Amino acid sequence: MSALPTLGEFEQIVLLAIMRLGDDAYGVTIRSEIAVCTGREPSPGALYTTLDRLEDKGLLKSRVGDPSPRRGGRAKRYFAVSASGIKAVARAQKAYRKLLEGVQLPGLAHA
């Protein structure tokens, strides 16, 4: 079995947004979810470059929906996190939790 790729911060954010959205994860909804959760909206170029890279790494799967007259005959491209993507997110989150152990962040109460 090959090692899981290391995730950058934005890659983790994108994967988590897709996981939160479930079956409704496509470009516009992913950008919106990221904006709501982080306070910053990524550019379409940054998002789609990252989506393509994550798919190339095997961490995402995509499918094309039916064309819609409301979208000028264009189809939406829907995304889902693969099993490898879920494992990569879990590994990254475990590393963050480990790094945060014993760190006191000013103004934040720790449970």
PDB file of N, CA and C in Angstrom:
ATOM      1  N   MET A   1       0.844  -1.172   0.000  1.00  0.00           N
ATOM      2  CA  MET A   1       0.000   0.000   0.000  1.00  0.00           C
ATOM      3  C   MET A   1       0.886   1.230   0.000  1.00  0.00           C
ATOM      4  N   SER A   2       0.598   2.205  -0.831  1.00  0.00           N
ATOM      5  CA  SER A   2       1.404   3.412  -0.899  1.00  0.00           C
ATOM      6  C   SER A   2       1.026   4.356   0.238  1.00  0.00           C
ATOM      7  N   ALA A   3       1.974   5.201   0.598  1.00  0.00           N
ATOM      8  CA  ALA A   3       1.739   6.157   1.678  1.00  0.00           C
ATOM      9  C   ALA A   3       0.740   7.219   1.228  1.00  0.00           C
ATOM     10  N   LEU A   4      -0.049   7.683   2.184  1.00  0.00           N
ATOM     11  CA  LEU A   4      -0.995   8.761   1.880  1.00  0.00           C
ATOM     12  C   LEU A   4      -0.222  10.045   1.642  1.00  0.00           C
ATOM     13  N   PRO A   5      -0.662  10.863   0.686  1.00  0.00           N
ATOM     14  CA  PRO A   5       0.020  12.133   0.462  1.00  0.00           C
ATOM     15  C   PRO A   5      -0.200  13.082   1.636  1.00  0.00           C
ATOM     16  N   THR A   6       0.777  13.957   1.846  1.00  0.00           N
ATOM     17  CA  THR A   6       0.652  14.995   2.860  1.00  0.00           C
ATOM     18  C   THR A   6      -0.286  16.067   2.333  1.00  0.00           C
ATOM     19  N   LEU A   7      -1.131  16.591   3.210  1.00  0.00           N
ATOM     20  CA  LEU A   7      -2.084  17.619   2.809  1.00  0.00           C
ATOM     21  C   LEU A   7      -1.627  18.995   3.259  1.00  0.00           C
ATOM     22  N   GLY A   8      -1.763  19.974   2.368  1.00  0.00           N
ATOM     23  CA  GLY A   8      -1.568  21.360   2.753  1.00  0.00           C
ATOM     24  C   GLY A   8      -2.825  21.880   3.436  1.00  0.00           C
ATOM     25  N   GLU A   9      -2.719  23.053   4.053  1.00  0.00           N
ATOM     26  CA  GLU A   9      -3.858  23.612   4.786  1.00  0.00           C
ATOM     27  C   GLU A   9      -5.080  23.790   3.887  1.00  0.00           C
ATOM     28  N   PHE A  10      -4.898  24.381   2.710  1.00  0.00           N
ATOM     29  CA  PHE A  10      -6.045  24.622   1.837  1.00  0.00           C
ATOM     30  C   PHE A  10      -6.635  23.311   1.333  1.00  0.00           C
ATOM     31  N   GLU A  11      -5.793  22.320   1.069  1.00  0.00           N
ATOM     32  CA  GLU A  11      -6.306  21.011   0.656  1.00  0.00           C
ATOM     33  C   GLU A  11      -7.190  20.415   1.749  1.00  0.00           C
ATOM     34  N   GLN A  12      -6.762  20.537   3.003  1.00  0.00           N
ATOM     35  CA  GLN A  12      -7.588  20.042   4.110  1.00  0.00           C
ATOM     36  C   GLN A  12      -8.912  20.783   4.181  1.00  0.00           C
ATOM     37  N   ILE A  13      -8.863  22.096   4.031  1.00  0.00           N
ATOM     38  CA  ILE A  13     -10.083  22.909   4.077  1.00  0.00           C
ATOM     39  C   ILE A  13     -11.045  22.471   2.979  1.00  0.00           C
ATOM     40  N   VAL A  14     -10.534  22.262   1.777  1.00  0.00           N
ATOM     41  CA  VAL A  14     -11.379  21.851   0.650  1.00  0.00           C
ATOM     42  C   VAL A  14     -12.004  20.479   0.927  1.00  0.00           C
ATOM     43  N   LEU A  15     -11.208  19.533   1.377  1.00  0.00           N
ATOM     44  CA  LEU A  15     -11.738  18.198   1.668  1.00  0.00           C
ATOM     45  C   LEU A  15     -12.795  18.250   2.768  1.00  0.00           C
ATOM     46  N   LEU A  16     -12.545  19.017   3.812  1.00  0.00           N
ATOM     47  CA  LEU A  16     -13.519  19.128   4.903  1.00  0.00           C
ATOM     48  C   LEU A  16     -14.809  19.794   4.435  1.00  0.00           C
ATOM     49  N   ALA A  17     -14.699  20.813   3.588  1.00  0.00           N
ATOM     50  CA  ALA A  17     -15.901  21.473   3.057  1.00  0.00           C
ATOM     51  C   ALA A  17     -16.731  20.482   2.244  1.00  0.00           C
ATOM     52  N   ILE A  18     -16.073  19.677   1.434  1.00  0.00           N
ATOM     53  CA  ILE A  18     -16.782  18.673   0.628  1.00  0.00           C
ATOM     54  C   ILE A  18     -17.449  17.646   1.536  1.00  0.00           C
ATOM     55  N   MET A  19     -16.771  17.230   2.574  1.00  0.00           N
ATOM     56  CA  MET A  19     -17.354  16.266   3.511  1.00  0.00           C
ATOM     57  C   MET A  19     -18.583  16.864   4.196  1.00  0.00           C
ATOM     58  N   ARG A  20     -18.536  18.141   4.541  1.00  0.00           N
ATOM     59  CA  ARG A  20     -19.676  18.805   5.178  1.00  0.00           C
ATOM     60  C   ARG A  20     -20.861  18.910   4.221  1.00  0.00           C
ATOM     61  N   LEU A  21     -20.584  19.148   2.944  1.00  0.00           N
ATOM     62  CA  LEU A  21     -21.651  19.352   1.957  1.00  0.00           C
ATOM     63  C   LEU A  21     -22.306  18.051   1.500  1.00  0.00           C
ATOM     64  N   GLY A  22     -21.613  16.945   1.596  1.00  0.00           N
ATOM     65  CA  GLY A  22     -22.183  15.672   1.155  1.00  0.00           C
ATOM     66  C   GLY A  22     -22.451  15.663  -0.342  1.00  0.00           C
ATOM     67  N   ASP A  23     -23.661  15.256  -0.730  1.00  0.00           N
ATOM     68  CA  ASP A  23     -24.004  15.098  -2.150  1.00  0.00           C
ATOM     69  C   ASP A  23     -24.130  16.414  -2.906  1.00  0.00           C
ATOM     70  N   ASP A  24     -24.105  17.538  -2.225  1.00  0.00           N
ATOM     71  CA  ASP A  24     -24.289  18.840  -2.874  1.00  0.00           C
ATOM     72  C   ASP A  24     -22.970  19.597  -3.035  1.00  0.00           C
ATOM     73  N   ALA A  25     -21.855  18.880  -3.145  1.00  0.00           N
ATOM     74  CA  ALA A  25     -20.544  19.507  -3.240  1.00  0.00           C
ATOM     75  C   ALA A  25     -20.152  19.736  -4.698  1.00  0.00           C
ATOM     76  N   TYR A  26     -20.280  20.961  -5.144  1.00  0.00           N
ATOM     77  CA  TYR A  26     -19.782  21.382  -6.458  1.00  0.00           C
ATOM     78  C   TYR A  26     -19.148  22.753  -6.272  1.00  0.00           C
ATOM     79  N   GLY A  27     -18.512  23.274  -7.293  1.00  0.00           N
ATOM     80  CA  GLY A  27     -17.695  24.476  -7.172  1.00  0.00           C
ATOM     81  C   GLY A  27     -18.280  25.606  -6.341  1.00  0.00           C
ATOM     82  N   VAL A  28     -19.469  26.071  -6.692  1.00  0.00           N
ATOM     83  CA  VAL A  28     -20.076  27.217  -6.007  1.00  0.00           C
ATOM     84  C   VAL A  28     -20.357  26.898  -4.544  1.00  0.00           C
ATOM     85  N   THR A  29     -20.902  25.724  -4.262  1.00  0.00           N
ATOM     86  CA  THR A  29     -21.232  25.394  -2.870  1.00  0.00           C
ATOM     87  C   THR A  29     -19.971  25.174  -2.037  1.00  0.00           C
ATOM     88  N   ILE A  30     -18.932  24.633  -2.652  1.00  0.00           N
ATOM     89  CA  ILE A  30     -17.668  24.439  -1.934  1.00  0.00           C
ATOM     90  C   ILE A  30     -17.067  25.798  -1.577  1.00  0.00           C
ATOM     91  N   ARG A  31     -17.024  26.722  -2.538  1.00  0.00           N
ATOM     92  CA  ARG A  31     -16.505  28.075  -2.264  1.00  0.00           C
ATOM     93  C   ARG A  31     -17.295  28.746  -1.159  1.00  0.00           C
ATOM     94  N   SER A  32     -18.614  28.619  -1.208  1.00  0.00           N
ATOM     95  CA  SER A  32     -19.473  29.233  -0.202  1.00  0.00           C
ATOM     96  C   SER A  32     -19.232  28.624   1.177  1.00  0.00           C
ATOM     97  N   GLU A  33     -19.128  27.317   1.253  1.00  0.00           N
ATOM     98  CA  GLU A  33     -18.891  26.638   2.533  1.00  0.00           C
ATOM     99  C   GLU A  33     -17.557  27.068   3.131  1.00  0.00           C
ATOM    100  N   ILE A  34     -16.543  27.171   2.292  1.00  0.00           N
ATOM    101  CA  ILE A  34     -15.232  27.622   2.768  1.00  0.00           C
ATOM    102  C   ILE A  34     -15.329  29.053   3.289  1.00  0.00           C
ATOM    103  N   ALA A  35     -16.034  29.915   2.565  1.00  0.00           N
ATOM    104  CA  ALA A  35     -16.185  31.309   2.995  1.00  0.00           C
ATOM    105  C   ALA A  35     -16.908  31.402   4.332  1.00  0.00           C
ATOM    106  N   VAL A  36     -17.982  30.641   4.489  1.00  0.00           N
ATOM    107  CA  VAL A  36     -18.751  30.660   5.742  1.00  0.00           C
ATOM    108  C   VAL A  36     -17.893  30.165   6.907  1.00  0.00           C
ATOM    109  N   CYS A  37     -17.136  29.108   6.689  1.00  0.00           N
ATOM    110  CA  CYS A  37     -16.384  28.486   7.781  1.00  0.00           C
ATOM    111  C   CYS A  37     -15.059  29.180   8.092  1.00  0.00           C
ATOM    112  N   THR A  38     -14.444  29.819   7.102  1.00  0.00           N
ATOM    113  CA  THR A  38     -13.114  30.406   7.317  1.00  0.00           C
ATOM    114  C   THR A  38     -13.096  31.926   7.250  1.00  0.00           C
ATOM    115  N   GLY A  39     -14.151  32.510   6.709  1.00  0.00           N
ATOM    116  CA  GLY A  39     -14.166  33.960   6.557  1.00  0.00           C
ATOM    117  C   GLY A  39     -13.432  34.457   5.325  1.00  0.00           C
ATOM    118  N   ARG A  40     -12.975  33.543   4.484  1.00  0.00           N
ATOM    119  CA  ARG A  40     -12.331  33.958   3.229  1.00  0.00           C
ATOM    120  C   ARG A  40     -12.812  33.066   2.097  1.00  0.00           C
ATOM    121  N   GLU A  41     -13.099  33.711   0.979  1.00  0.00           N
ATOM    122  CA  GLU A  41     -13.609  32.966  -0.178  1.00  0.00           C
ATOM    123  C   GLU A  41     -12.477  32.775  -1.180  1.00  0.00           C
ATOM    124  N   PRO A  42     -12.161  31.530  -1.499  1.00  0.00           N
ATOM    125  CA  PRO A  42     -11.084  31.300  -2.456  1.00  0.00           C
ATOM    126  C   PRO A  42     -11.505  31.700  -3.867  1.00  0.00           C
ATOM    127  N   SER A  43     -10.524  32.056  -4.670  1.00  0.00           N
ATOM    128  CA  SER A  43     -10.822  32.357  -6.069  1.00  0.00           C
ATOM    129  C   SER A  43     -11.216  31.060  -6.764  1.00  0.00           C
ATOM    130  N   PRO A  44     -12.023  31.163  -7.825  1.00  0.00           N
ATOM    131  CA  PRO A  44     -12.365  29.939  -8.568  1.00  0.00           C
ATOM    132  C   PRO A  44     -11.122  29.204  -9.067  1.00  0.00           C
ATOM    133  N   GLY A  45     -10.131  29.953  -9.530  1.00  0.00           N
ATOM    134  CA  GLY A  45      -8.915  29.318 -10.039  1.00  0.00           C
ATOM    135  C   GLY A  45      -8.183  28.518  -8.979  1.00  0.00           C
ATOM    136  N   ALA A  46      -8.053  29.100  -7.780  1.00  0.00           N
ATOM    137  CA  ALA A  46      -7.378  28.396  -6.682  1.00  0.00           C
ATOM    138  C   ALA A  46      -8.156  27.145  -6.295  1.00  0.00           C
ATOM    139  N   LEU A  47      -9.482  27.270  -6.242  1.00  0.00           N
ATOM    140  CA  LEU A  47     -10.301  26.122  -5.853  1.00  0.00           C
ATOM    141  C   LEU A  47     -10.208  25.002  -6.883  1.00  0.00           C
ATOM    142  N   TYR A  48     -10.421  25.316  -8.164  1.00  0.00           N
ATOM    143  CA  TYR A  48     -10.439  24.257  -9.174  1.00  0.00           C
ATOM    144  C   TYR A  48      -9.065  23.624  -9.381  1.00  0.00           C
ATOM    145  N   THR A  49      -8.007  24.410  -9.228  1.00  0.00           N
ATOM    146  CA  THR A  49      -6.661  23.832  -9.296  1.00  0.00           C
ATOM    147  C   THR A  49      -6.474  22.816  -8.173  1.00  0.00           C
ATOM    148  N   THR A  50      -6.940  23.172  -6.987  1.00  0.00           N
ATOM    149  CA  THR A  50      -6.830  22.278  -5.834  1.00  0.00           C
ATOM    150  C   THR A  50      -7.715  21.050  -6.001  1.00  0.00           C
ATOM    151  N   LEU A  51      -8.936  21.236  -6.490  1.00  0.00           N
ATOM    152  CA  LEU A  51      -9.823  20.092  -6.729  1.00  0.00           C
ATOM    153  C   LEU A  51      -9.194  19.112  -7.718  1.00  0.00           C
ATOM    154  N   ASP A  52      -8.631  19.638  -8.800  1.00  0.00           N
ATOM    155  CA  ASP A  52      -7.986  18.765  -9.795  1.00  0.00           C
ATOM    156  C   ASP A  52      -6.794  18.027  -9.184  1.00  0.00           C
ATOM    157  N   ARG A  53      -5.989  18.747  -8.391  1.00  0.00           N
ATOM    158  CA  ARG A  53      -4.819  18.131  -7.763  1.00  0.00           C
ATOM    159  C   ARG A  53      -5.244  17.026  -6.788  1.00  0.00           C
ATOM    160  N   LEU A  54      -6.276  17.298  -5.982  1.00  0.00           N
ATOM    161  CA  LEU A  54      -6.756  16.290  -5.032  1.00  0.00           C
ATOM    162  C   LEU A  54      -7.315  15.064  -5.754  1.00  0.00           C
ATOM    163  N   GLU A  55      -7.970  15.296  -6.879  1.00  0.00           N
ATOM    164  CA  GLU A  55      -8.479  14.160  -7.658  1.00  0.00           C
ATOM    165  C   GLU A  55      -7.315  13.360  -8.252  1.00  0.00           C
ATOM    166  N   ASP A  56      -6.289  14.060  -8.750  1.00  0.00           N
ATOM    167  CA  ASP A  56      -5.111  13.372  -9.291  1.00  0.00           C
ATOM    168  C   ASP A  56      -4.408  12.535  -8.223  1.00  0.00           C
ATOM    169  N   LYS A  57      -4.442  12.999  -6.972  1.00  0.00           N
ATOM    170  CA  LYS A  57      -3.833  12.264  -5.862  1.00  0.00           C
ATOM    171  C   LYS A  57      -4.700  11.091  -5.395  1.00  0.00           C
ATOM    172  N   GLY A  58      -5.923  10.991  -5.928  1.00  0.00           N
ATOM    173  CA  GLY A  58      -6.822   9.916  -5.528  1.00  0.00           C
ATOM    174  C   GLY A  58      -7.591  10.200  -4.246  1.00  0.00           C
ATOM    175  N   LEU A  59      -7.608  11.463  -3.818  1.00  0.00           N
ATOM    176  CA  LEU A  59      -8.275  11.826  -2.571  1.00  0.00           C
ATOM    177  C   LEU A  59      -9.704  12.297  -2.789  1.00  0.00           C
ATOM    178  N   LEU A  60     -10.043  12.550  -4.033  1.00  0.00           N
ATOM    179  CA  LEU A  60     -11.386  12.988  -4.426  1.00  0.00           C
ATOM    180  C   LEU A  60     -11.848  12.184  -5.613  1.00  0.00           C
ATOM    181  N   LYS A  61     -13.163  12.074  -5.735  1.00  0.00           N
ATOM    182  CA  LYS A  61     -13.789  11.534  -6.946  1.00  0.00           C
ATOM    183  C   LYS A  61     -14.733  12.617  -7.451  1.00  0.00           C
ATOM    184  N   SER A  62     -14.934  12.652  -8.750  1.00  0.00           N
ATOM    185  CA  SER A  62     -15.898  13.620  -9.280  1.00  0.00           C
ATOM    186  C   SER A  62     -16.815  12.935 -10.280  1.00  0.00           C
ATOM    187  N   ARG A  63     -17.974  13.539 -10.449  1.00  0.00           N
ATOM    188  CA  ARG A  63     -18.921  13.073 -11.459  1.00  0.00           C
ATOM    189  C   ARG A  63     -19.581  14.308 -12.049  1.00  0.00           C
ATOM    190  N   VAL A  64     -20.011  14.189 -13.276  1.00  0.00           N
ATOM    191  CA  VAL A  64     -20.672  15.299 -13.958  1.00  0.00           C
ATOM    192  C   VAL A  64     -22.168  15.050 -13.932  1.00  0.00           C
ATOM    193  N   GLY A  65     -22.910  16.041 -13.448  1.00  0.00           N
ATOM    194  CA  GLY A  65     -24.369  15.950 -13.405  1.00  0.00           C
ATOM    195  C   GLY A  65     -24.970  16.231 -14.775  1.00  0.00           C
ATOM    196  N   ASP A  66     -26.279  16.277 -14.824  1.00  0.00           N
ATOM    197  CA  ASP A  66     -26.979  16.559 -16.075  1.00  0.00           C
ATOM    198  C   ASP A  66     -26.875  18.041 -16.420  1.00  0.00           C
ATOM    199  N   PRO A  67     -26.786  18.360 -17.721  1.00  0.00           N
ATOM    200  CA  PRO A  67     -26.793  19.768 -18.130  1.00  0.00           C
ATOM    201  C   PRO A  67     -28.104  20.432 -17.710  1.00  0.00           C
ATOM    202  N   SER A  68     -28.012  21.706 -17.408  1.00  0.00           N
ATOM    203  CA  SER A  68     -29.184  22.441 -16.943  1.00  0.00           C
ATOM    204  C   SER A  68     -29.407  23.684 -17.800  1.00  0.00           C
ATOM    205  N   PRO A  69     -30.645  23.908 -18.253  1.00  0.00           N
ATOM    206  CA  PRO A  69     -30.927  25.137 -19.003  1.00  0.00           C
ATOM    207  C   PRO A  69     -30.627  26.387 -18.174  1.00  0.00           C
ATOM    208  N   ARG A  70     -30.827  26.303 -16.844  1.00  0.00           N
ATOM    209  CA  ARG A  70     -30.530  27.443 -15.974  1.00  0.00           C
ATOM    210  C   ARG A  70     -29.053  27.791 -15.989  1.00  0.00           C
ATOM    211  N   ARG A  71     -28.216  26.824 -16.322  1.00  0.00           N
ATOM    212  CA  ARG A  71     -26.768  27.048 -16.368  1.00  0.00           C
ATOM    213  C   ARG A  71     -26.280  27.186 -17.809  1.00  0.00           C
ATOM    214  N   GLY A  72     -27.180  27.522 -18.714  1.00  0.00           N
ATOM    215  CA  GLY A  72     -26.800  27.679 -20.111  1.00  0.00           C
ATOM    216  C   GLY A  72     -26.405  26.369 -20.762  1.00  0.00           C
ATOM    217  N   GLY A  73     -27.011  25.269 -20.315  1.00  0.00           N
ATOM    218  CA  GLY A  73     -26.708  23.960 -20.890  1.00  0.00           C
ATOM    219  C   GLY A  73     -25.483  23.286 -20.297  1.00  0.00           C
ATOM    220  N   ARG A  74     -24.848  23.936 -19.336  1.00  0.00           N
ATOM    221  CA  ARG A  74     -23.656  23.340 -18.714  1.00  0.00           C
ATOM    222  C   ARG A  74     -24.064  22.420 -17.565  1.00  0.00           C
ATOM    223  N   ALA A  75     -23.215  21.462 -17.308  1.00  0.00           N
ATOM    224  CA  ALA A  75     -23.451  20.513 -16.212  1.00  0.00           C
ATOM    225  C   ALA A  75     -22.574  20.880 -15.020  1.00  0.00           C
ATOM    226  N   LYS A  76     -23.044  20.554 -13.835  1.00  0.00           N
ATOM    227  CA  LYS A  76     -22.246  20.738 -12.625  1.00  0.00           C
ATOM    228  C   LYS A  76     -21.325  19.535 -12.456  1.00  0.00           C
ATOM    229  N   ARG A  77     -20.143  19.794 -11.926  1.00  0.00           N
ATOM    230  CA  ARG A  77     -19.204  18.726 -11.580  1.00  0.00           C
ATOM    231  C   ARG A  77     -19.260  18.565 -10.057  1.00  0.00           C
ATOM    232  N   TYR A  78     -19.743  17.423  -9.617  1.00  0.00           N
ATOM    233  CA  TYR A  78     -19.899  17.137  -8.190  1.00  0.00           C
ATOM    234  C   TYR A  78     -18.674  16.385  -7.671  1.00  0.00           C
ATOM    235  N   PHE A  79     -18.331  16.637  -6.421  1.00  0.00           N
ATOM    236  CA  PHE A  79     -17.148  16.033  -5.814  1.00  0.00           C
ATOM    237  C   PHE A  79     -17.517  15.242  -4.567  1.00  0.00           C
ATOM    238  N   ALA A  80     -16.772  14.176  -4.324  1.00  0.00           N
ATOM    239  CA  ALA A  80     -16.910  13.375  -3.105  1.00  0.00           C
ATOM    240  C   ALA A  80     -15.509  12.979  -2.653  1.00  0.00           C
ATOM    241  N   VAL A  81     -15.302  12.944  -1.360  1.00  0.00           N
ATOM    242  CA  VAL A  81     -14.009  12.555  -0.804  1.00  0.00           C
ATOM    243  C   VAL A  81     -13.911  11.029  -0.849  1.00  0.00           C
ATOM    244  N   SER A  82     -12.805  10.536  -1.368  1.00  0.00           N
ATOM    245  CA  SER A  82     -12.586   9.086  -1.457  1.00  0.00           C
ATOM    246  C   SER A  82     -12.175   8.534  -0.092  1.00  0.00           C
ATOM    247  N   ALA A  83     -12.118   7.220   0.002  1.00  0.00           N
ATOM    248  CA  ALA A  83     -11.670   6.577   1.246  1.00  0.00           C
ATOM    249  C   ALA A  83     -10.253   7.030   1.600  1.00  0.00           C
ATOM    250  N   SER A  84      -9.396   7.150   0.598  1.00  0.00           N
ATOM    251  CA  SER A  84      -8.031   7.631   0.847  1.00  0.00           C
ATOM    252  C   SER A  84      -8.039   9.076   1.326  1.00  0.00           C
ATOM    253  N   GLY A  85      -8.956   9.874   0.793  1.00  0.00           N
ATOM    254  CA  GLY A  85      -9.076  11.264   1.226  1.00  0.00           C
ATOM    255  C   GLY A  85      -9.503  11.368   2.675  1.00  0.00           C
ATOM    256  N   ILE A  86     -10.445  10.520   3.071  1.00  0.00           N
ATOM    257  CA  ILE A  86     -10.895  10.510   4.468  1.00  0.00           C
ATOM    258  C   ILE A  86      -9.736  10.125   5.386  1.00  0.00           C
ATOM    259  N   LYS A  87      -8.960   9.127   4.983  1.00  0.00           N
ATOM    260  CA  LYS A  87      -7.802   8.714   5.786  1.00  0.00           C
ATOM    261  C   LYS A  87      -6.769   9.832   5.877  1.00  0.00           C
ATOM    262  N   ALA A  88      -6.538  10.538   4.765  1.00  0.00           N
ATOM    263  CA  ALA A  88      -5.564  11.631   4.770  1.00  0.00           C
ATOM    264  C   ALA A  88      -6.011  12.767   5.684  1.00  0.00           C
ATOM    265  N   VAL A  89      -7.307  13.095   5.668  1.00  0.00           N
ATOM    266  CA  VAL A  89      -7.832  14.137   6.560  1.00  0.00           C
ATOM    267  C   VAL A  89      -7.695  13.689   8.014  1.00  0.00           C
ATOM    268  N   ALA A  90      -8.044  12.448   8.296  1.00  0.00           N
ATOM    269  CA  ALA A  90      -7.945  11.936   9.668  1.00  0.00           C
ATOM    270  C   ALA A  90      -6.504  11.994  10.167  1.00  0.00           C
ATOM    271  N   ARG A  91      -5.571  11.624   9.314  1.00  0.00           N
ATOM    272  CA  ARG A  91      -4.156  11.659   9.702  1.00  0.00           C
ATOM    273  C   ARG A  91      -3.703  13.090   9.965  1.00  0.00           C
ATOM    274  N   ALA A  92      -4.100  14.027   9.105  1.00  0.00           N
ATOM    275  CA  ALA A  92      -3.722  15.431   9.285  1.00  0.00           C
ATOM    276  C   ALA A  92      -4.327  16.003  10.563  1.00  0.00           C
ATOM    277  N   GLN A  93      -5.593  15.677  10.828  1.00  0.00           N
ATOM    278  CA  GLN A  93      -6.252  16.177  12.035  1.00  0.00           C
ATOM    279  C   GLN A  93      -5.607  15.587  13.291  1.00  0.00           C
ATOM    280  N   LYS A  94      -5.209  14.332  13.228  1.00  0.00           N
ATOM    281  CA  LYS A  94      -4.524  13.702  14.365  1.00  0.00           C
ATOM    282  C   LYS A  94      -3.207  14.429  14.643  1.00  0.00           C
ATOM    283  N   ALA A  95      -2.483  14.776  13.590  1.00  0.00           N
ATOM    284  CA  ALA A  95      -1.219  15.497  13.757  1.00  0.00           C
ATOM    285  C   ALA A  95      -1.458  16.876  14.376  1.00  0.00           C
ATOM    286  N   TYR A  96      -2.506  17.577  13.927  1.00  0.00           N
ATOM    287  CA  TYR A  96      -2.824  18.890  14.506  1.00  0.00           C
ATOM    288  C   TYR A  96      -3.166  18.764  15.987  1.00  0.00           C
ATOM    289  N   ARG A  97      -3.988  17.779  16.325  1.00  0.00           N
ATOM    290  CA  ARG A  97      -4.355  17.590  17.739  1.00  0.00           C
ATOM    291  C   ARG A  97      -3.114  17.312  18.586  1.00  0.00           C
ATOM    292  N   LYS A  98      -2.230  16.490  18.060  1.00  0.00           N
ATOM    293  CA  LYS A  98      -0.996  16.160  18.782  1.00  0.00           C
ATOM    294  C   LYS A  98      -0.145  17.413  18.971  1.00  0.00           C
ATOM    295  N   LEU A  99      -0.038  18.228  17.946  1.00  0.00           N
ATOM    296  CA  LEU A  99       0.753  19.455  18.044  1.00  0.00           C
ATOM    297  C   LEU A  99       0.143  20.455  19.017  1.00  0.00           C
ATOM    298  N   LEU A 100      -1.175  20.466  19.118  1.00  0.00           N
ATOM    299  CA  LEU A 100      -1.855  21.410  20.008  1.00  0.00           C
ATOM    300  C   LEU A 100      -1.808  21.000  21.476  1.00  0.00           C
ATOM    301  N   GLU A 101      -1.499  19.728  21.748  1.00  0.00           N
ATOM    302  CA  GLU A 101      -1.431  19.267  23.137  1.00  0.00           C
ATOM    303  C   GLU A 101      -0.412  20.105  23.899  1.00  0.00           C
ATOM    304  N   GLY A 102      -0.852  20.672  25.004  1.00  0.00           N
ATOM    305  CA  GLY A 102       0.047  21.452  25.847  1.00  0.00           C
ATOM    306  C   GLY A 102       0.278  22.875  25.389  1.00  0.00           C
ATOM    307  N   VAL A 103      -0.290  23.267  24.269  1.00  0.00           N
ATOM    308  CA  VAL A 103      -0.145  24.639  23.781  1.00  0.00           C
ATOM    309  C   VAL A 103      -1.287  25.469  24.346  1.00  0.00           C
ATOM    310  N   GLN A 104      -0.948  26.563  24.985  1.00  0.00           N
ATOM    311  CA  GLN A 104      -1.957  27.476  25.516  1.00  0.00           C
ATOM    312  C   GLN A 104      -2.100  28.647  24.554  1.00  0.00           C
ATOM    313  N   LEU A 105      -3.238  28.725  23.897  1.00  0.00           N
ATOM    314  CA  LEU A 105      -3.505  29.819  22.975  1.00  0.00           C
ATOM    315  C   LEU A 105      -4.165  30.949  23.752  1.00  0.00           C
ATOM    316  N   PRO A 106      -3.602  32.155  23.713  1.00  0.00           N
ATOM    317  CA  PRO A 106      -4.174  33.272  24.460  1.00  0.00           C
ATOM    318  C   PRO A 106      -5.633  33.508  24.075  1.00  0.00           C
ATOM    319  N   GLY A 107      -6.486  33.651  25.093  1.00  0.00           N
ATOM    320  CA  GLY A 107      -7.892  33.967  24.852  1.00  0.00           C
ATOM    321  C   GLY A 107      -8.775  32.772  24.569  1.00  0.00           C
ATOM    322  N   LEU A 108      -8.218  31.571  24.519  1.00  0.00           N
ATOM    323  CA  LEU A 108      -9.020  30.375  24.255  1.00  0.00           C
ATOM    324  C   LEU A 108      -8.959  29.448  25.453  1.00  0.00           C
ATOM    325  N   ALA A 109     -10.117  29.008  25.895  1.00  0.00           N
ATOM    326  CA  ALA A 109     -10.176  28.051  26.999  1.00  0.00           C
ATOM    327  C   ALA A 109     -10.029  26.645  26.443  1.00  0.00           C
ATOM    328  N   HIS A 110      -9.267  25.828  27.111  1.00  0.00           N
ATOM    329  CA  HIS A 110      -9.103  24.427  26.694  1.00  0.00           C
ATOM    330  C   HIS A 110      -9.947  23.540  27.580  1.00  0.00           C
ATOM    331  N   ALA A 111     -10.590  22.560  26.974  1.00  0.00           N
ATOM    332  CA  ALA A 111     -11.428  21.621  27.745  1.00  0.00           C
ATOM    333  C   ALA A 111     -10.574  20.578  28.401  1.00  0.00           C
TER     334      ALA A 111
END
